[in-house]
Protein backbone atom coordinates (compact mmCIF):
# COMPACT_ATOMS: atom_id res chain seq x y z
CA UNK A 1 -4.43 31.38 24.14
CA UNK A 2 -7.11 28.89 23.02
CA UNK A 3 -6.52 25.18 22.34
CA UNK A 4 -8.58 22.94 20.03
CA UNK A 5 -8.46 19.29 19.00
CA UNK A 6 -8.54 19.14 15.20
CA UNK A 7 -8.25 16.90 12.16
CA UNK A 8 -8.44 13.14 12.10
CA UNK A 9 -8.93 12.80 15.85
CA UNK A 10 -12.23 14.71 15.69
CA UNK A 11 -13.29 12.98 12.47
CA UNK A 12 -12.67 9.49 13.83
CA UNK A 13 -14.39 10.28 17.11
CA UNK A 14 -17.48 11.43 15.21
CA UNK A 15 -17.37 8.26 13.10
CA UNK A 16 -17.18 6.12 16.23
CA UNK A 17 -13.70 4.87 15.33
CA UNK A 18 -10.73 4.48 17.68
CA UNK A 19 -8.74 7.68 17.93
CA UNK A 20 -5.05 6.88 17.43
CA UNK A 21 -3.37 10.29 17.47
CA UNK A 22 -4.52 13.51 19.11
CA UNK A 23 -3.63 16.64 17.14
CA UNK A 24 -4.15 20.08 18.66
CA UNK A 25 -4.03 23.61 17.28
CA UNK A 26 -3.17 26.63 19.43
CA UNK A 27 -4.67 30.03 18.62
CA UNK A 28 -3.36 33.31 19.96
CA UNK A 29 0.09 32.17 21.07
CA UNK A 30 3.71 32.56 20.00
CA UNK A 31 6.47 29.96 19.85
CA UNK A 32 8.14 31.65 22.78
CA UNK A 33 5.03 31.33 24.96
CA UNK A 34 4.75 27.61 24.27
CA UNK A 35 8.46 27.06 24.87
CA UNK A 36 8.18 28.91 28.18
CA UNK A 37 5.51 26.40 29.26
CA UNK A 38 7.81 23.48 28.53
CA UNK A 39 6.57 22.55 25.05
CA UNK A 40 9.32 21.06 22.89
CA UNK A 41 9.64 22.46 19.33
CA UNK A 42 9.99 19.84 16.57
CA UNK A 43 10.56 20.12 12.84
CA UNK A 44 12.04 22.94 10.84
CA UNK A 45 9.19 23.84 8.47
CA UNK A 46 6.17 24.18 10.75
CA UNK A 47 5.55 25.63 14.24
CA UNK A 48 4.78 22.28 15.90
CA UNK A 49 5.47 21.47 19.55
CA UNK A 50 5.28 18.36 21.74
CA UNK A 51 3.39 18.55 25.02
CA UNK A 52 5.89 18.22 27.91
CA UNK A 53 3.96 15.30 29.45
CA UNK A 54 1.70 13.65 26.87
CA UNK A 55 4.05 14.20 23.89
CA UNK A 56 1.01 14.95 21.73
CA UNK A 57 1.48 17.46 18.91
CA UNK A 58 0.39 21.08 19.34
CA UNK A 59 0.66 23.30 16.24
CA UNK A 60 0.28 27.05 16.11
CA UNK A 61 -2.62 28.18 13.95
CA UNK A 62 -1.25 29.10 10.55
CA UNK A 63 -2.07 30.13 7.01
CA UNK A 64 -0.17 29.22 3.85
CA UNK A 65 0.42 30.95 0.53
CA UNK A 66 1.43 29.15 -2.65
CA UNK A 67 4.72 30.41 -4.15
CA UNK A 68 5.97 27.57 -6.39
CA UNK A 69 4.84 24.25 -7.92
CA UNK A 70 4.72 21.10 -5.80
CA UNK A 71 3.95 20.55 -2.15
CA UNK A 72 7.00 22.43 -0.87
CA UNK A 73 6.27 25.74 -2.59
CA UNK A 74 4.58 27.52 0.32
CA UNK A 75 5.14 30.56 2.51
CA UNK A 76 3.68 30.00 5.99
CA UNK A 77 2.28 32.59 8.38
CA UNK A 78 1.91 31.59 12.03
CA UNK A 79 1.20 34.52 14.31
CA UNK A 80 -1.20 35.15 17.23
CA UNK A 81 -3.59 36.98 14.87
CA UNK A 82 -4.32 33.83 12.81
CA UNK A 83 -7.85 32.65 13.62
CA UNK A 84 -9.10 29.11 14.04
CA UNK A 85 -11.28 29.43 10.93
CA UNK A 86 -8.30 30.57 8.88
CA UNK A 87 -6.36 27.53 10.07
CA UNK A 88 -9.23 25.16 9.26
CA UNK A 89 -9.63 26.72 5.82
CA UNK A 90 -6.17 25.50 4.76
CA UNK A 91 -7.04 21.86 5.50
CA UNK A 92 -7.75 19.34 2.76
CA UNK A 93 -11.23 17.91 3.35
CA UNK A 94 -14.27 19.18 5.17
CA UNK A 95 -14.36 16.05 7.35
CA UNK A 96 -10.85 16.98 8.54
CA UNK A 97 -11.71 20.64 9.19
CA UNK A 98 -13.73 20.28 12.39
CA UNK A 99 -12.43 21.50 15.75
CA UNK A 100 -13.37 20.60 19.33
CA UNK A 101 -12.32 23.16 21.98
CA UNK A 102 -10.41 21.97 25.02
CA UNK A 103 -12.66 21.66 28.04
CA UNK A 104 -12.28 24.34 30.66
CA UNK A 105 -12.32 21.77 33.46
CA UNK A 106 -9.44 19.72 32.02
CA UNK A 107 -6.78 18.61 34.47
CA UNK A 108 -3.83 21.01 34.77
CA UNK A 109 -1.44 20.53 31.88
CA UNK A 110 -3.75 18.10 30.12
CA UNK A 111 -6.62 18.82 27.76
CA UNK A 112 -9.84 17.00 26.93
CA UNK A 113 -11.97 17.92 23.89
CA UNK A 114 -15.50 19.22 24.32
CA UNK A 115 -17.53 17.53 21.57
CA UNK A 116 -20.66 19.42 22.60
CA UNK A 117 -19.18 22.67 21.24
CA UNK A 118 -17.79 21.67 17.85
CA UNK A 119 -16.61 24.39 15.49
CA UNK A 120 -17.42 23.36 11.93
CA UNK A 121 -17.33 26.30 9.50
CA UNK A 122 -17.09 24.14 6.35
CA UNK A 123 -19.84 21.56 6.85
CA UNK A 124 -17.69 18.61 7.84
CA UNK A 125 -20.36 17.04 10.05
CA UNK A 126 -22.87 17.17 7.20
CA UNK A 127 -20.38 15.48 4.88
CA UNK A 128 -19.69 12.81 7.49
CA UNK A 129 -23.44 12.13 7.65
CA UNK A 130 -23.71 12.14 3.85
CA UNK A 131 -20.46 10.14 3.47
CA UNK A 132 -18.85 12.61 1.09
CA UNK A 133 -15.20 13.52 0.59
CA UNK A 134 -15.21 17.22 -0.29
CA UNK A 135 -12.40 19.77 -0.45
CA UNK A 136 -12.61 22.71 1.95
CA UNK A 137 -11.57 25.60 -0.29
CA UNK A 138 -9.84 26.15 -3.60
CA UNK A 139 -6.57 26.09 -1.64
CA UNK A 140 -6.80 22.31 -2.08
CA UNK A 141 -5.26 22.76 -5.53
CA UNK A 142 -2.08 24.20 -4.04
CA UNK A 143 -0.81 20.87 -2.66
CA UNK A 144 -0.73 17.87 -5.06
CA UNK A 145 -0.19 15.47 -2.16
CA UNK A 146 -3.85 16.06 -1.38
CA UNK A 147 -4.86 14.10 -4.47
CA UNK A 148 -3.08 11.09 -3.01
CA UNK A 149 -4.46 11.74 0.46
CA UNK A 150 -8.03 11.95 -0.81
CA UNK A 151 -7.58 8.72 -2.76
CA UNK A 152 -6.22 7.09 0.39
CA UNK A 153 -9.19 8.33 2.42
CA UNK A 154 -11.48 6.86 -0.26
CA UNK A 155 -9.79 3.50 0.36
CA UNK A 156 -10.03 3.87 4.13
CA UNK A 157 -13.69 4.93 3.96
CA UNK A 158 -14.91 3.02 0.88
CA UNK A 159 -18.56 3.92 1.50
CA UNK A 160 -17.71 7.62 1.06
CA UNK A 161 -18.10 9.15 -2.41
CA UNK A 162 -15.95 11.91 -3.87
CA UNK A 163 -17.83 15.17 -4.42
CA UNK A 164 -18.10 15.91 -8.18
CA UNK A 165 -16.61 19.36 -7.76
CA UNK A 166 -13.65 17.90 -5.86
CA UNK A 167 -13.01 15.31 -8.57
CA UNK A 168 -13.16 18.08 -11.18
CA UNK A 169 -10.63 20.10 -9.17
CA UNK A 170 -8.31 17.10 -8.97
CA UNK A 171 -8.50 16.67 -12.75
CA UNK A 172 -7.61 20.34 -13.23
CA UNK A 173 -4.61 19.90 -10.94
CA UNK A 174 -3.40 16.90 -12.92
CA UNK A 175 -3.88 18.73 -16.21
CA UNK A 176 -1.96 21.69 -14.79
CA UNK A 177 1.08 19.55 -14.04
CA UNK A 178 0.92 19.75 -10.24
CA UNK A 179 1.29 15.99 -9.87
CA UNK A 180 4.54 16.11 -11.84
CA UNK A 181 6.15 18.04 -8.96
CA UNK A 182 5.57 15.31 -6.36
CA UNK A 183 8.69 13.78 -4.85
CA UNK A 184 9.02 9.95 -4.84
CA UNK A 185 9.09 9.60 -1.06
CA UNK A 186 5.70 11.25 -0.61
CA UNK A 187 4.14 9.26 -3.44
CA UNK A 188 5.39 5.98 -1.96
CA UNK A 189 4.31 6.97 1.55
CA UNK A 190 0.72 7.62 0.48
CA UNK A 191 0.56 4.59 -1.84
CA UNK A 192 1.82 2.33 0.94
CA UNK A 193 -0.76 3.66 3.38
CA UNK A 194 -3.51 3.23 0.80
CA UNK A 195 -2.42 -0.34 0.06
CA UNK A 196 -2.81 -1.18 3.75
CA UNK A 197 -6.48 -0.14 3.92
CA UNK A 198 -9.41 -2.57 3.87
CA UNK A 199 -10.34 -1.56 0.30
CA UNK A 200 -7.12 -0.61 -1.53
CA UNK A 201 -8.82 -0.80 -4.93
CA UNK A 202 -10.69 2.42 -4.13
CA UNK A 203 -7.44 4.37 -3.98
CA UNK A 204 -6.47 3.34 -7.49
CA UNK A 205 -9.96 3.84 -8.84
CA UNK A 206 -10.00 7.44 -7.59
CA UNK A 207 -6.47 8.09 -8.88
CA UNK A 208 -7.55 6.72 -12.24
CA UNK A 209 -10.71 8.84 -12.33
CA UNK A 210 -8.68 11.97 -11.60
CA UNK A 211 -6.05 11.20 -14.22
CA UNK A 212 -3.30 11.02 -11.60
CA UNK A 213 -2.70 7.27 -12.00
CA UNK A 214 -1.49 7.77 -15.57
CA UNK A 215 1.06 10.28 -14.26
CA UNK A 216 2.18 8.40 -11.14
CA UNK A 217 1.91 4.75 -12.22
CA UNK A 218 1.43 4.60 -16.00
CA UNK A 219 2.42 0.91 -15.89
CA UNK A 220 -0.67 0.21 -13.76
CA UNK A 221 -2.96 2.60 -15.66
CA UNK A 222 -2.29 0.73 -18.92
CA UNK A 223 -3.83 -2.49 -17.54
CA UNK A 224 -7.41 -1.27 -17.98
CA UNK A 225 -8.87 -2.37 -21.29
CA UNK A 226 -6.43 -5.29 -21.62
CA UNK A 227 -8.31 -8.62 -21.70
CA UNK A 228 -7.41 -11.38 -19.30
CA UNK A 229 -6.21 -14.72 -20.63
CA UNK A 230 -8.86 -16.90 -22.23
CA UNK A 231 -8.82 -19.31 -19.30
CA UNK A 232 -9.30 -16.52 -16.78
CA UNK A 233 -12.58 -14.82 -17.68
CA UNK A 234 -11.70 -12.78 -20.79
CA UNK A 235 -14.78 -10.64 -20.12
CA UNK A 236 -12.89 -9.10 -17.19
CA UNK A 237 -10.01 -6.91 -18.20
CA UNK A 238 -6.67 -6.93 -16.41
CA UNK A 239 -7.25 -3.64 -14.59
CA UNK A 240 -10.43 -4.94 -12.99
CA UNK A 241 -8.68 -8.19 -12.12
CA UNK A 242 -5.92 -6.18 -10.45
CA UNK A 243 -8.44 -4.38 -8.27
CA UNK A 244 -9.93 -7.72 -7.22
CA UNK A 245 -6.46 -9.04 -6.37
CA UNK A 246 -5.67 -6.00 -4.22
CA UNK A 247 -8.92 -6.36 -2.30
CA UNK A 248 -8.22 -10.06 -1.81
CA UNK A 249 -4.85 -9.13 -0.30
CA UNK A 250 -6.69 -6.92 2.17
CA UNK A 251 -9.22 -9.66 2.91
CA UNK A 252 -6.35 -12.04 3.72
CA UNK A 253 -4.66 -9.38 5.93
CA UNK A 254 -1.50 -9.49 3.85
CA UNK A 255 1.51 -7.36 4.87
CA UNK A 256 2.65 -4.42 2.72
CA UNK A 257 5.29 -6.30 0.65
CA UNK A 258 2.65 -8.83 -0.40
CA UNK A 259 0.17 -6.11 -1.33
CA UNK A 260 2.79 -4.27 -3.37
CA UNK A 261 3.61 -7.52 -5.16
CA UNK A 262 -0.08 -7.93 -5.94
CA UNK A 263 -0.14 -4.42 -7.41
CA UNK A 264 2.82 -5.07 -9.72
CA UNK A 265 2.71 -8.77 -10.61
CA UNK A 266 0.94 -8.31 -13.96
CA UNK A 267 2.47 -5.05 -15.22
CA UNK A 268 3.76 -6.80 -18.34
CA UNK A 269 0.24 -7.47 -19.56
CA UNK A 270 -0.12 -3.75 -20.26
CA UNK A 271 2.61 -4.08 -22.90
CA UNK A 272 1.67 -7.49 -24.34
CA UNK A 273 2.13 -7.43 -28.13
CA UNK A 274 -1.16 -7.53 -29.99
CA UNK A 275 -0.29 -10.78 -31.77
CA UNK A 276 -0.16 -12.73 -28.48
CA UNK A 277 -3.22 -11.23 -26.80
CA UNK A 278 -5.06 -12.54 -24.84
CA UNK A 279 -2.46 -15.24 -24.03
CA UNK A 280 0.09 -12.76 -22.60
CA UNK A 281 3.05 -14.96 -23.51
CA UNK A 282 6.21 -13.76 -21.79
CA UNK A 283 4.46 -11.20 -19.62
CA UNK A 284 6.37 -12.35 -16.51
CA UNK A 285 9.72 -11.03 -17.75
CA UNK A 286 8.10 -7.84 -19.02
CA UNK A 287 6.47 -7.41 -15.60
CA UNK A 288 9.82 -7.80 -13.84
CA UNK A 289 11.44 -5.17 -16.09
CA UNK A 290 8.62 -2.68 -15.54
CA UNK A 291 8.65 -3.41 -11.81
CA UNK A 292 12.31 -2.44 -11.66
CA UNK A 293 11.48 0.93 -13.22
CA UNK A 294 8.64 1.52 -10.75
CA UNK A 295 10.80 0.64 -7.76
CA UNK A 296 13.63 2.91 -8.85
CA UNK A 297 11.27 5.78 -9.63
CA UNK A 298 9.39 5.60 -6.31
CA UNK A 299 12.37 4.42 -4.21
CA UNK A 300 10.44 1.40 -2.99
CA UNK A 301 11.91 -0.35 0.09
CA UNK A 302 14.05 -3.42 -0.53
CA UNK A 303 11.70 -5.92 1.14
CA UNK A 304 8.85 -4.84 -1.12
CA UNK A 305 11.07 -4.89 -4.22
CA UNK A 306 12.39 -8.40 -3.61
CA UNK A 307 9.05 -10.11 -3.05
CA UNK A 308 7.42 -8.27 -5.95
CA UNK A 309 10.25 -9.32 -8.30
CA UNK A 310 9.92 -13.02 -7.45
CA UNK A 311 6.12 -12.89 -7.71
CA UNK A 312 6.30 -11.14 -11.09
CA UNK A 313 8.69 -13.78 -12.46
CA UNK A 314 7.32 -16.93 -10.87
CA UNK A 315 3.59 -16.54 -10.21
CA UNK A 316 2.69 -18.51 -13.32
CA UNK A 317 4.97 -21.39 -12.32
CA UNK A 318 3.60 -21.34 -8.77
CA UNK A 319 0.05 -21.49 -10.13
CA UNK A 320 1.05 -24.53 -12.22
CA UNK A 321 3.11 -26.17 -9.49
CA UNK A 322 0.63 -29.00 -8.82
CA UNK A 323 1.61 -30.49 -12.17
CA UNK A 324 5.36 -30.26 -11.54
CA UNK A 325 7.55 -33.21 -10.66
CA UNK A 326 9.88 -33.18 -7.68
CA UNK A 327 12.90 -31.91 -9.61
CA UNK A 328 10.94 -29.00 -11.05
CA UNK A 329 9.51 -28.19 -7.62
CA UNK A 330 12.98 -28.05 -6.10
CA UNK A 331 14.22 -25.85 -8.93
CA UNK A 332 11.27 -23.54 -8.26
CA UNK A 333 12.16 -23.40 -4.55
CA UNK A 334 15.76 -22.60 -5.46
CA UNK A 335 14.81 -19.83 -7.89
CA UNK A 336 12.62 -18.28 -5.18
CA UNK A 337 15.48 -18.58 -2.66
CA UNK A 338 12.96 -20.35 -0.45
CA UNK A 339 15.49 -22.47 1.45
CA UNK A 340 17.39 -19.41 2.66
CA UNK A 341 14.35 -17.17 3.13
CA UNK A 342 11.37 -19.36 4.04
CA UNK A 343 9.26 -16.54 5.50
CA UNK A 344 9.69 -14.50 2.35
CA UNK A 345 8.64 -17.55 0.32
CA UNK A 346 5.51 -17.85 2.46
CA UNK A 347 4.70 -14.22 1.57
CA UNK A 348 5.34 -14.95 -2.11
CA UNK A 349 2.83 -17.80 -1.97
CA UNK A 350 0.31 -15.55 -0.23
CA UNK A 351 0.61 -13.02 -3.07
CA UNK A 352 0.04 -15.81 -5.58
CA UNK A 353 -3.04 -16.94 -3.68
CA UNK A 354 -4.39 -13.38 -3.83
CA UNK A 355 -3.83 -13.44 -7.61
CA UNK A 356 -5.59 -16.79 -8.02
CA UNK A 357 -8.57 -15.88 -5.84
CA UNK A 358 -8.92 -12.35 -7.22
CA UNK A 359 -11.11 -13.61 -10.04
CA UNK A 360 -14.80 -13.92 -10.68
CA UNK A 361 -16.29 -16.83 -8.76
CA UNK A 362 -13.01 -17.78 -7.07
CA UNK A 363 -12.99 -15.49 -4.03
CA UNK A 364 -13.84 -18.31 -1.64
CA UNK A 365 -11.93 -21.06 -3.42
CA UNK A 366 -8.99 -22.97 -2.00
CA UNK A 367 -5.44 -22.48 -3.25
CA UNK A 368 -3.81 -25.88 -2.71
CA UNK A 369 -0.55 -24.77 -4.32
CA UNK A 370 0.30 -22.77 -1.21
CA UNK A 371 0.19 -25.57 1.42
CA UNK A 372 1.68 -28.04 -1.05
CA UNK A 373 4.71 -25.89 -1.79
CA UNK A 374 5.18 -25.12 1.89
CA UNK A 375 5.14 -28.87 2.50
CA UNK A 376 7.68 -29.32 -0.28
CA UNK A 377 9.87 -26.65 1.28
CA UNK A 378 9.73 -28.41 4.63
CA UNK A 379 10.73 -31.68 2.96
CA UNK A 380 13.65 -30.02 1.19
CA UNK A 381 14.74 -28.33 4.42
CA UNK A 382 14.78 -31.70 6.19
CA UNK A 383 17.86 -32.70 4.18
CA UNK A 384 20.99 -32.45 6.32
CA UNK A 385 23.32 -30.68 3.91
CA UNK A 386 26.52 -30.61 5.97
CA UNK A 387 27.10 -34.40 6.11
CA UNK A 388 26.36 -34.64 2.38
CA UNK A 389 28.80 -31.86 1.62
CA UNK A 390 31.55 -33.42 3.74
CA UNK A 391 31.02 -36.81 2.15
CA UNK A 392 31.10 -35.36 -1.36
CA UNK A 393 34.17 -33.31 -0.53
CA UNK A 394 35.94 -36.41 0.77
CA UNK A 395 35.14 -38.10 -2.53
CA UNK A 396 36.99 -35.31 -4.33
CA UNK A 397 34.02 -33.41 -5.69
CA UNK A 398 34.15 -29.64 -6.21
CA UNK A 399 31.68 -26.92 -5.20
CA UNK A 400 29.36 -27.29 -8.20
CA UNK A 401 29.30 -31.06 -7.85
CA UNK A 402 28.58 -30.77 -4.13
CA UNK A 403 25.63 -28.52 -4.98
CA UNK A 404 24.31 -31.14 -7.37
CA UNK A 405 24.53 -33.82 -4.66
CA UNK A 406 22.51 -31.65 -2.27
CA UNK A 407 20.01 -30.78 -5.01
CA UNK A 408 19.40 -34.48 -5.78
CA UNK A 409 18.93 -35.25 -2.10
CA UNK A 410 16.32 -32.51 -1.84
CA UNK A 411 14.55 -33.80 -4.94
CA UNK A 412 14.43 -37.27 -3.38
CA UNK A 413 13.06 -35.85 -0.11
CA UNK A 414 10.32 -33.91 -1.92
CA UNK A 415 9.51 -36.94 -4.06
CA UNK A 416 9.11 -39.09 -0.96
CA UNK A 417 7.18 -36.58 1.09
CA UNK A 418 4.75 -34.94 -1.34
CA UNK A 419 2.09 -37.00 -3.15
CA UNK A 420 2.22 -36.68 -6.92
CA UNK A 421 5.70 -35.24 -7.25
CA UNK A 422 7.17 -38.58 -8.30
CA UNK A 423 5.03 -38.52 -11.46
CA UNK A 424 4.57 -34.79 -11.86
CA UNK A 425 0.80 -35.15 -11.41
CA UNK A 426 -1.43 -33.55 -8.77
CA UNK A 427 -2.44 -35.78 -5.86
CA UNK A 428 -5.78 -37.60 -6.06
CA UNK A 429 -8.83 -35.80 -4.74
CA UNK A 430 -9.80 -36.71 -1.15
CA UNK A 431 -12.38 -39.45 -0.83
């Protein structure tokens, strides 16, 4: 029985990056032999075991044979006669197909990789040096999830290029309908991980180049070639603007719900009627309708759905909020449910800042709407609603009338606390 560290752990070690998870492959063993040594079997589909002490994953070397469309249509073979090279050959990219044998002097029951004796039959080290993402063998085409994984790796390692032959293979897979067999959960899982990289735009650029974006997110794919509004650099189309917004969300270390909102906030511009281009009148409502379709299709988590919906509907009003009077500001807070969910509102404002700064020449600009609306929220929250409600109730007012009393008190608090909201004009510039 031989044991090797494989996959991302070896790749990241060679790149000088922190190694998060250690994955091991075992050659020449049976499930019974591992179980007898205390390894705990996990999962139903693959022969994977957890080390009895470290809880790291140890998988038996295996081969796979395609039997049906999609990523589930495989027959697996995991027997002691499967070689390490056969196991590495089924992996997606050459940079993930490098193995480091366990050191012979490792402590009993624990294994340390020997990076002086790397096994690299598919040129992964050369591709790491050349910063190339290249498929290992033609078996890449058998699993459409690999298109998403490669695009995600392109976002994680934005200085890596995609090998031309690999891009051509991806296009063939898309044309052959493999992407159509992907299940929503896997698509969302990979999209979410790609959104959380330092350069999320690269994921969508690669998906677009391969043709997969049109299949997976046609609402996003349609944004390329659509001009921005006249006041927002019409020479940059909406697709390019979207990529700038996504990268701004990464620059600002935004959480996943904010980044998803950035991805979807302008979907309606891809369906703007020709007679209103490039003004995009009414695109907010169109964006919200398309967003609903995307969320249902990909089974997007609720927290991501909710923030994206508010951003799609209200980002234009938030951008214009410096010119709003106190009553309009409070109505905006109420529509965003900011008083009940202040942290969510803070994330909504962060998404809007990403949108505003994701434009040519504005990357380093301030976004005063965000602190001003947070200040307005604090002023509105300072109103003690219970005494007002009791007083109004004692005066014989009903529920709707009580709500109006509270609303007016919040308007008065915002008017008193935020410069400019009494007249609906932005505050004077400092100095």
